[in-house]
Amino acid sequence: MDAVIYVDTDAIHPVADGRWHHARLTRVPQPGETVTMLCGLTAAAEFEQSTERDSHGVPQTCWDCDLVYRREHDLDVWPGHPALPRRPVPHPRRTETARPNRHHQAP
């Protein structure tokens, strides 16, 4: 008799470059097989016991993968999401009626 272990591929979050990623996996990759993350990063699949996870440091979220995942699954993307482009802060424009700098003296 075999013991079947079912793996939910949606629950697989590859860790590469110290970041948790998302990937569109239709099956569990074979060791050494290239995996492409939602952010575009590619890496060879490698497997370790979950007890080894902390020995490499605490992985951070890949915000680019997170943004793609949220958009694909119609999840909220908050305005300050780290992967969204930053808008430059507008500087006030000087108008014709603005008073000149009193510290600057014309020659």
N, C-alpha and C. Protein backbone atom coordinates (compact mmCIF):
# COMPACT_ATOMS: atom_id res chain seq x y z
N MET A 1 0.85 -1.17 0.00
CA MET A 1 0.00 0.00 0.00
C MET A 1 0.89 1.24 0.00
N ASP A 2 0.47 2.25 -0.75
CA ASP A 2 1.20 3.52 -0.81
C ASP A 2 0.51 4.56 0.05
N ALA A 3 1.30 5.46 0.56
CA ALA A 3 0.76 6.63 1.27
C ALA A 3 0.91 7.80 0.33
N VAL A 4 -0.18 8.32 -0.13
CA VAL A 4 -0.16 9.43 -1.08
C VAL A 4 -0.10 10.75 -0.31
N ILE A 5 0.82 11.59 -0.70
CA ILE A 5 0.95 12.92 -0.11
C ILE A 5 0.52 13.92 -1.18
N TYR A 6 -0.57 14.61 -0.90
CA TYR A 6 -1.08 15.59 -1.85
C TYR A 6 -0.48 16.95 -1.53
N VAL A 7 -0.01 17.61 -2.55
CA VAL A 7 0.61 18.92 -2.38
C VAL A 7 -0.23 19.95 -3.14
N ASP A 8 -0.64 20.98 -2.43
CA ASP A 8 -1.38 22.08 -3.05
C ASP A 8 -0.35 23.04 -3.64
N THR A 9 -0.25 23.06 -4.95
CA THR A 9 0.78 23.89 -5.60
C THR A 9 0.54 25.38 -5.37
N ASP A 10 -0.69 25.79 -5.05
CA ASP A 10 -0.94 27.20 -4.73
C ASP A 10 -0.31 27.58 -3.40
N ALA A 11 -0.02 26.60 -2.57
CA ALA A 11 0.57 26.87 -1.26
C ALA A 11 2.10 26.84 -1.30
N ILE A 12 2.67 26.56 -2.46
CA ILE A 12 4.14 26.53 -2.58
C ILE A 12 4.63 27.95 -2.84
N HIS A 13 5.50 28.42 -1.98
CA HIS A 13 6.09 29.76 -2.12
C HIS A 13 7.61 29.60 -2.15
N PRO A 14 8.19 29.55 -3.35
CA PRO A 14 9.64 29.40 -3.44
C PRO A 14 10.37 30.55 -2.75
N VAL A 15 11.48 30.25 -2.13
CA VAL A 15 12.32 31.27 -1.51
C VAL A 15 13.59 31.38 -2.35
N ALA A 16 13.84 32.56 -2.88
CA ALA A 16 15.05 32.83 -3.67
C ALA A 16 15.51 34.24 -3.35
N ASP A 17 16.81 34.42 -3.25
CA ASP A 17 17.39 35.73 -2.92
C ASP A 17 16.83 36.28 -1.61
N GLY A 18 16.51 35.38 -0.67
CA GLY A 18 16.04 35.81 0.64
C GLY A 18 14.61 36.33 0.66
N ARG A 19 13.84 36.04 -0.40
CA ARG A 19 12.46 36.54 -0.48
C ARG A 19 11.49 35.39 -0.78
N TRP A 20 10.29 35.50 -0.16
CA TRP A 20 9.18 34.60 -0.49
C TRP A 20 8.62 35.04 -1.82
N HIS A 21 8.39 34.11 -2.71
CA HIS A 21 7.85 34.43 -4.03
C HIS A 21 6.56 33.66 -4.27
N HIS A 22 5.85 34.03 -5.32
CA HIS A 22 4.71 33.29 -5.83
C HIS A 22 5.10 32.80 -7.22
N ALA A 23 4.57 31.64 -7.59
CA ALA A 23 4.82 31.09 -8.93
C ALA A 23 3.55 30.39 -9.41
N ARG A 24 3.36 30.35 -10.72
CA ARG A 24 2.23 29.62 -11.29
C ARG A 24 2.70 28.19 -11.54
N LEU A 25 2.47 27.32 -10.57
CA LEU A 25 2.91 25.93 -10.68
C LEU A 25 1.72 25.04 -10.96
N THR A 26 1.83 24.22 -11.99
CA THR A 26 0.77 23.26 -12.29
C THR A 26 1.08 21.89 -11.68
N ARG A 27 2.30 21.73 -11.22
CA ARG A 27 2.74 20.50 -10.56
C ARG A 27 3.96 20.83 -9.71
N VAL A 28 4.35 19.91 -8.85
CA VAL A 28 5.55 20.11 -8.04
C VAL A 28 6.75 19.96 -8.96
N PRO A 29 7.62 20.96 -9.00
CA PRO A 29 8.79 20.87 -9.89
C PRO A 29 9.78 19.80 -9.41
N GLN A 30 10.53 19.28 -10.34
CA GLN A 30 11.58 18.32 -10.02
C GLN A 30 12.81 19.08 -9.51
N PRO A 31 13.61 18.47 -8.65
CA PRO A 31 14.84 19.15 -8.20
C PRO A 31 15.70 19.55 -9.41
N GLY A 32 16.15 20.78 -9.40
CA GLY A 32 16.97 21.31 -10.49
C GLY A 32 16.17 21.94 -11.62
N GLU A 33 14.87 21.70 -11.65
CA GLU A 33 14.02 22.28 -12.69
C GLU A 33 13.88 23.79 -12.47
N THR A 34 13.87 24.54 -13.54
CA THR A 34 13.76 25.99 -13.44
C THR A 34 12.33 26.39 -13.08
N VAL A 35 12.23 27.26 -12.09
CA VAL A 35 10.94 27.81 -11.67
C VAL A 35 10.97 29.30 -11.95
N THR A 36 9.92 29.80 -12.57
CA THR A 36 9.81 31.24 -12.83
C THR A 36 8.79 31.83 -11.89
N MET A 37 9.22 32.81 -11.11
CA MET A 37 8.35 33.47 -10.16
C MET A 37 7.52 34.55 -10.87
N LEU A 38 6.46 35.00 -10.22
CA LEU A 38 5.60 36.01 -10.83
C LEU A 38 6.35 37.31 -11.13
N CYS A 39 7.40 37.59 -10.37
CA CYS A 39 8.18 38.82 -10.58
C CYS A 39 9.15 38.68 -11.76
N GLY A 40 9.28 37.45 -12.30
CA GLY A 40 10.18 37.23 -13.43
C GLY A 40 11.49 36.55 -13.06
N LEU A 41 11.80 36.50 -11.78
CA LEU A 41 13.02 35.83 -11.33
C LEU A 41 12.92 34.34 -11.63
N THR A 42 14.01 33.74 -12.10
CA THR A 42 14.04 32.30 -12.31
C THR A 42 15.11 31.69 -11.42
N ALA A 43 14.84 30.47 -10.96
CA ALA A 43 15.79 29.76 -10.10
C ALA A 43 15.52 28.26 -10.21
N ALA A 44 16.53 27.48 -9.91
CA ALA A 44 16.39 26.02 -9.92
C ALA A 44 15.70 25.57 -8.64
N ALA A 45 14.75 24.64 -8.79
CA ALA A 45 14.02 24.11 -7.63
C ALA A 45 14.96 23.28 -6.77
N GLU A 46 14.82 23.48 -5.48
CA GLU A 46 15.61 22.74 -4.49
C GLU A 46 14.67 22.51 -3.31
N PHE A 47 14.81 21.37 -2.66
CA PHE A 47 13.90 21.04 -1.57
C PHE A 47 14.67 20.82 -0.28
N GLU A 48 14.12 21.34 0.82
CA GLU A 48 14.68 21.15 2.16
C GLU A 48 13.51 20.94 3.12
N GLN A 49 13.81 20.39 4.27
CA GLN A 49 12.81 20.26 5.32
C GLN A 49 12.46 21.65 5.84
N SER A 50 11.22 21.83 6.23
CA SER A 50 10.80 23.15 6.73
C SER A 50 11.56 23.54 7.99
N THR A 51 12.11 22.58 8.70
CA THR A 51 12.89 22.90 9.91
C THR A 51 14.19 23.62 9.56
N GLU A 52 14.62 23.56 8.32
CA GLU A 52 15.85 24.23 7.87
C GLU A 52 15.60 25.67 7.44
N ARG A 53 14.35 26.05 7.35
CA ARG A 53 14.00 27.36 6.81
C ARG A 53 14.68 28.50 7.54
N ASP A 54 14.67 28.49 8.86
CA ASP A 54 15.24 29.60 9.62
C ASP A 54 16.77 29.66 9.60
N SER A 55 17.41 28.58 9.19
CA SER A 55 18.88 28.58 9.17
C SER A 55 19.43 29.50 8.08
N HIS A 56 18.61 29.92 7.15
CA HIS A 56 19.03 30.82 6.07
C HIS A 56 18.61 32.26 6.33
N GLY A 57 18.08 32.53 7.51
CA GLY A 57 17.57 33.87 7.80
C GLY A 57 16.08 33.93 7.48
N VAL A 58 15.44 34.93 7.97
CA VAL A 58 13.99 35.07 7.77
C VAL A 58 13.75 35.68 6.40
N PRO A 59 13.04 34.96 5.52
CA PRO A 59 12.77 35.53 4.20
C PRO A 59 11.79 36.69 4.27
N GLN A 60 11.95 37.63 3.37
CA GLN A 60 11.06 38.78 3.27
C GLN A 60 10.09 38.54 2.12
N THR A 61 9.04 39.32 2.06
CA THR A 61 8.08 39.22 0.97
C THR A 61 8.65 39.82 -0.30
N CYS A 62 8.45 39.14 -1.42
CA CYS A 62 8.76 39.74 -2.72
C CYS A 62 7.53 40.56 -3.09
N TRP A 63 7.63 41.86 -2.97
CA TRP A 63 6.48 42.72 -3.20
C TRP A 63 6.04 42.73 -4.65
N ASP A 64 6.97 42.50 -5.58
CA ASP A 64 6.58 42.44 -6.99
C ASP A 64 5.69 41.22 -7.25
N CYS A 65 6.07 40.06 -6.69
CA CYS A 65 5.22 38.86 -6.80
C CYS A 65 3.88 39.10 -6.12
N ASP A 66 3.91 39.73 -4.96
CA ASP A 66 2.69 39.98 -4.21
C ASP A 66 1.72 40.84 -5.02
N LEU A 67 2.23 41.86 -5.68
CA LEU A 67 1.39 42.75 -6.48
C LEU A 67 0.74 41.99 -7.65
N VAL A 68 1.54 41.19 -8.35
CA VAL A 68 0.99 40.41 -9.47
C VAL A 68 -0.07 39.44 -8.96
N TYR A 69 0.23 38.76 -7.87
CA TYR A 69 -0.70 37.79 -7.28
C TYR A 69 -2.02 38.47 -6.90
N ARG A 70 -1.93 39.62 -6.24
CA ARG A 70 -3.13 40.34 -5.83
C ARG A 70 -3.97 40.76 -7.03
N ARG A 71 -3.33 41.24 -8.07
CA ARG A 71 -4.07 41.66 -9.26
C ARG A 71 -4.72 40.46 -9.96
N GLU A 72 -4.00 39.35 -10.05
CA GLU A 72 -4.54 38.16 -10.71
C GLU A 72 -5.71 37.55 -9.95
N HIS A 73 -5.75 37.75 -8.63
CA HIS A 73 -6.80 37.16 -7.80
C HIS A 73 -7.82 38.19 -7.31
N ASP A 74 -7.83 39.36 -7.93
CA ASP A 74 -8.77 40.43 -7.59
C ASP A 74 -8.76 40.77 -6.11
N LEU A 75 -7.57 40.79 -5.53
CA LEU A 75 -7.41 41.17 -4.13
C LEU A 75 -7.06 42.65 -4.06
N ASP A 76 -7.39 43.27 -2.96
CA ASP A 76 -7.10 44.70 -2.79
C ASP A 76 -5.61 44.98 -2.88
N VAL A 77 -5.28 46.06 -3.55
CA VAL A 77 -3.92 46.59 -3.57
C VAL A 77 -4.01 47.97 -2.96
N TRP A 78 -3.43 48.14 -1.79
CA TRP A 78 -3.52 49.42 -1.10
C TRP A 78 -2.62 50.44 -1.79
N PRO A 79 -2.97 51.72 -1.69
CA PRO A 79 -2.24 52.78 -2.41
C PRO A 79 -0.75 52.83 -2.11
N GLY A 80 -0.33 52.44 -0.91
CA GLY A 80 1.08 52.50 -0.56
C GLY A 80 1.82 51.18 -0.75
N HIS A 81 1.25 50.26 -1.55
CA HIS A 81 1.89 48.95 -1.76
C HIS A 81 3.32 49.18 -2.24
N PRO A 82 4.28 48.48 -1.63
CA PRO A 82 5.70 48.72 -1.96
C PRO A 82 6.08 48.50 -3.42
N ALA A 83 5.31 47.72 -4.17
CA ALA A 83 5.67 47.46 -5.57
C ALA A 83 5.06 48.48 -6.53
N LEU A 84 4.17 49.33 -6.04
CA LEU A 84 3.60 50.35 -6.92
C LEU A 84 4.62 51.44 -7.16
N PRO A 85 4.63 52.02 -8.37
CA PRO A 85 5.57 53.11 -8.62
C PRO A 85 5.25 54.29 -7.71
N ARG A 86 6.28 54.90 -7.24
CA ARG A 86 6.12 56.08 -6.38
C ARG A 86 5.86 57.30 -7.24
N ARG A 87 4.88 58.07 -6.84
CA ARG A 87 4.61 59.32 -7.53
C ARG A 87 5.51 60.40 -6.94
N PRO A 88 6.10 61.20 -7.77
CA PRO A 88 6.92 62.28 -7.22
C PRO A 88 6.03 63.28 -6.48
N VAL A 89 6.55 63.80 -5.42
CA VAL A 89 5.81 64.80 -4.64
C VAL A 89 5.93 66.12 -5.37
N PRO A 90 4.79 66.73 -5.74
CA PRO A 90 4.87 67.99 -6.48
C PRO A 90 5.39 69.11 -5.58
N HIS A 91 6.22 69.94 -6.15
CA HIS A 91 6.73 71.10 -5.44
C HIS A 91 5.84 72.29 -5.80
N PRO A 92 5.55 73.14 -4.85
CA PRO A 92 4.71 74.30 -5.16
C PRO A 92 5.40 75.18 -6.21
N ARG A 93 4.62 75.64 -7.13
CA ARG A 93 5.18 76.51 -8.16
C ARG A 93 5.14 77.95 -7.69
N ARG A 94 6.10 78.65 -8.09
CA ARG A 94 6.15 80.07 -7.77
C ARG A 94 5.27 80.81 -8.75
N THR A 95 4.44 81.65 -8.26
CA THR A 95 3.53 82.39 -9.13
C THR A 95 4.02 83.82 -9.30
N GLU A 96 3.39 84.52 -10.22
CA GLU A 96 3.76 85.91 -10.48
C GLU A 96 3.55 86.78 -9.24
N THR A 97 2.57 86.43 -8.43
CA THR A 97 2.26 87.25 -7.26
C THR A 97 3.08 86.85 -6.03
N ALA A 98 3.89 85.82 -6.18
CA ALA A 98 4.69 85.39 -5.03
C ALA A 98 5.69 86.47 -4.68
N ARG A 99 5.87 86.63 -3.40
CA ARG A 99 6.84 87.64 -2.95
C ARG A 99 8.25 87.14 -3.19
N PRO A 100 9.14 88.01 -3.62
CA PRO A 100 10.53 87.60 -3.82
C PRO A 100 11.17 87.27 -2.48
N ASN A 101 12.21 86.52 -2.55
CA ASN A 101 12.95 86.15 -1.36
C ASN A 101 13.58 87.42 -0.77
N ARG A 102 13.18 87.74 0.42
CA ARG A 102 13.65 89.00 1.03
C ARG A 102 15.12 88.91 1.45
N HIS A 103 15.66 87.69 1.52
CA HIS A 103 17.06 87.54 1.91
C HIS A 103 18.00 87.70 0.71
N HIS A 104 17.43 87.64 -0.46
CA HIS A 104 18.23 87.79 -1.65
C HIS A 104 18.14 89.23 -2.14
N GLN A 105 19.25 89.88 -2.22
CA GLN A 105 19.28 91.28 -2.66
C GLN A 105 19.76 91.34 -4.09
N ALA A 106 19.06 92.07 -4.90
CA ALA A 106 19.47 92.25 -6.29
C ALA A 106 20.72 93.13 -6.30
N PRO A 107 21.67 92.90 -7.20
CA PRO A 107 22.88 93.71 -7.25
C PRO A 107 22.65 95.12 -7.72
